[in-house]
Amino acid sequence: MSGKVIKTEAEWRAQLTAEQYHVTREHGTERAFTGALDKHYEDGVYHCVCCGEELFSSGTKFNSGSGWPSFYDTLGNDAVGETEDNSMFMRRTEVHCNRCDSHLGHVFPDGPQPTGLRYCINSASLSFSGDGAPEDV
């Protein structure tokens, strides 16, 4: 993981769309089945839309039917961190980018093997590239 990325609110707002800002900086959630990457299955790497950090591989992506891109594992590069989330009157585990602290989504213990995990990630928090260089979808 590269060095920590710290920007002002104004810098994030200038870089991101309104939806990307809401999801990544305000811990929002896009509506189910509306994200550009939900049914996206090309080979490549999914990056943090805020800082470009590599987060997930297409090899671990699966169709969970939840309406959000789902992965059963991270790239294993310590880029994805976890935080307890007790909002919405429930206990969940939030996942975020360790490099820039962007909210990505949540992880649940109901995914496929080999991990049994389901990283339920907002499309708005991701960019995708087939060659290792992040590109917006």
Protein backbone atom coordinates (compact mmCIF):
# COMPACT_ATOMS: atom_id res chain seq x y z
CA MET A 1 0.00 0.00 0.00
CA SER A 2 1.29 3.44 -0.91
CA GLY A 3 1.42 6.38 1.52
CA LYS A 4 -1.69 7.78 3.22
CA VAL A 5 -3.82 10.12 1.08
CA ILE A 6 -5.27 13.08 2.95
CA LYS A 7 -7.33 15.77 1.22
CA THR A 8 -9.64 18.54 2.30
CA GLU A 9 -13.40 18.25 1.86
CA ALA A 10 -13.16 20.77 -0.99
CA GLU A 11 -10.49 18.69 -2.75
CA TRP A 12 -12.59 15.51 -2.46
CA ARG A 13 -15.70 17.34 -3.76
CA ALA A 14 -13.73 18.66 -6.75
CA GLN A 15 -12.42 15.17 -7.60
CA LEU A 16 -15.57 13.08 -7.11
CA THR A 17 -19.10 13.06 -8.48
CA ALA A 18 -21.86 13.90 -6.00
CA GLU A 19 -22.72 10.18 -5.64
CA GLN A 20 -19.08 9.13 -5.22
CA TYR A 21 -18.60 11.80 -2.56
CA HIS A 22 -21.77 10.76 -0.70
CA VAL A 23 -20.79 7.08 -0.67
CA THR A 24 -17.05 7.36 0.02
CA ARG A 25 -16.80 10.44 2.25
CA GLU A 26 -20.24 10.46 3.96
CA HIS A 27 -20.58 6.66 4.36
CA GLY A 28 -23.58 6.52 2.06
CA THR A 29 -24.99 3.63 0.06
CA GLU A 30 -26.10 3.63 -3.56
CA ARG A 31 -29.47 2.08 -4.36
CA ALA A 32 -29.34 -1.66 -5.03
CA PHE A 33 -29.05 -2.76 -8.68
CA THR A 34 -28.14 0.76 -9.89
CA GLY A 35 -24.33 0.63 -9.80
CA ALA A 36 -22.35 0.32 -13.02
CA LEU A 37 -20.17 -2.48 -11.62
CA ASP A 38 -22.86 -4.76 -10.18
CA LYS A 39 -23.09 -6.96 -13.30
CA HIS A 40 -19.56 -6.20 -14.54
CA TYR A 41 -17.49 -9.37 -15.04
CA GLU A 42 -14.45 -8.45 -17.15
CA ASP A 43 -11.02 -9.66 -16.02
CA GLY A 44 -9.05 -7.06 -14.11
CA VAL A 45 -8.64 -5.15 -10.88
CA TYR A 46 -11.05 -2.98 -8.91
CA HIS A 47 -9.50 0.16 -7.41
CA CYS A 48 -10.54 2.75 -4.85
CA VAL A 49 -12.21 5.57 -6.81
CA CYS A 50 -10.66 8.14 -4.45
CA CYS A 51 -6.98 7.17 -4.41
CA GLY A 52 -6.50 4.40 -7.00
CA GLU A 53 -5.41 1.76 -4.49
CA GLU A 54 -5.91 -1.83 -5.74
CA LEU A 55 -8.62 -3.49 -3.65
CA PHE A 56 -10.27 -6.51 -5.33
CA SER A 57 -9.61 -8.89 -8.21
CA SER A 58 -12.23 -9.90 -10.75
CA GLY A 59 -11.25 -13.47 -9.88
CA THR A 60 -13.00 -13.16 -6.51
CA LYS A 61 -16.11 -11.36 -7.80
CA PHE A 62 -19.41 -13.26 -7.77
CA ASN A 63 -23.10 -12.58 -8.33
CA SER A 64 -24.59 -12.46 -4.85
CA GLY A 65 -27.97 -11.22 -6.07
CA SER A 66 -27.74 -8.39 -3.53
CA GLY A 67 -27.62 -5.59 -6.09
CA TRP A 68 -24.06 -4.51 -5.29
CA PRO A 69 -20.70 -5.80 -6.55
CA SER A 70 -19.68 -8.69 -4.31
CA PHE A 71 -16.29 -10.30 -3.73
CA TYR A 72 -15.33 -13.23 -1.51
CA ASP A 73 -11.84 -11.83 -0.79
CA THR A 74 -9.65 -8.74 -1.04
CA LEU A 75 -6.34 -8.66 -2.88
CA GLY A 76 -4.68 -9.42 0.45
CA ASN A 77 -2.50 -6.30 0.30
CA ASP A 78 -3.88 -4.76 3.54
CA ALA A 79 -5.62 -2.08 1.45
CA VAL A 80 -9.07 -2.90 2.88
CA GLY A 81 -9.70 -2.19 6.55
CA GLU A 82 -12.66 -2.99 8.78
CA THR A 83 -14.61 -0.95 11.34
CA GLU A 84 -17.56 -1.92 13.51
CA ASP A 85 -20.72 -0.18 12.27
CA ASN A 86 -23.70 0.03 14.64
CA SER A 87 -25.82 2.37 12.51
CA MET A 88 -29.24 1.55 11.06
CA PHE A 89 -30.16 -0.32 14.29
CA MET A 90 -27.93 -3.26 13.40
CA ARG A 91 -24.39 -4.47 13.93
CA ARG A 92 -22.32 -4.72 10.75
CA THR A 93 -18.70 -4.59 9.69
CA GLU A 94 -17.90 -1.62 7.48
CA VAL A 95 -15.01 -1.88 5.02
CA HIS A 96 -12.91 1.07 3.96
CA CYS A 97 -9.79 1.87 1.96
CA ASN A 98 -6.84 1.99 4.35
CA ARG A 99 -4.97 4.44 2.12
CA CYS A 100 -7.59 7.24 2.05
CA ASP A 101 -10.27 6.10 4.53
CA SER A 102 -12.99 5.95 1.87
CA HIS A 103 -16.12 4.03 2.77
CA LEU A 104 -16.47 1.04 0.41
CA GLY A 105 -19.36 -1.00 1.82
CA HIS A 106 -19.71 -3.85 4.31
CA VAL A 107 -18.51 -7.44 4.73
CA PHE A 108 -20.86 -10.25 5.75
CA PRO A 109 -20.20 -13.90 6.76
CA ASP A 110 -22.54 -15.35 4.11
CA GLY A 111 -20.31 -15.60 1.05
CA PRO A 112 -19.00 -18.56 -0.92
CA GLN A 113 -15.98 -20.67 -0.11
CA PRO A 114 -13.06 -20.56 0.29
CA THR A 115 -13.51 -17.57 2.64
CA GLY A 116 -17.24 -17.64 3.41
CA LEU A 117 -17.19 -13.84 3.18
CA ARG A 118 -19.21 -11.43 1.04
CA TYR A 119 -17.65 -8.02 0.57
CA CYS A 120 -20.71 -6.01 -0.51
CA ILE A 121 -19.20 -2.94 -2.19
CA ASN A 122 -20.74 0.21 -3.67
CA SER A 123 -19.98 0.66 -7.39
CA ALA A 124 -19.55 4.37 -6.68
CA SER A 125 -16.53 3.62 -4.50
CA LEU A 126 -14.72 1.66 -7.23
CA SER A 127 -13.01 2.13 -10.55
CA PHE A 128 -11.96 -0.79 -12.76
CA SER A 129 -9.08 -1.56 -15.03
CA GLY A 130 -8.19 -4.57 -17.11
CA ASP A 131 -4.52 -3.64 -17.29
CA GLY A 132 -3.72 -2.46 -13.74
CA ALA A 133 -4.29 1.27 -14.38
CA PRO A 134 -7.48 2.59 -12.77
CA GLU A 135 -10.16 3.92 -15.05
CA ASP A 136 -13.62 5.23 -14.24
CA VAL A 137 -16.50 3.17 -15.57
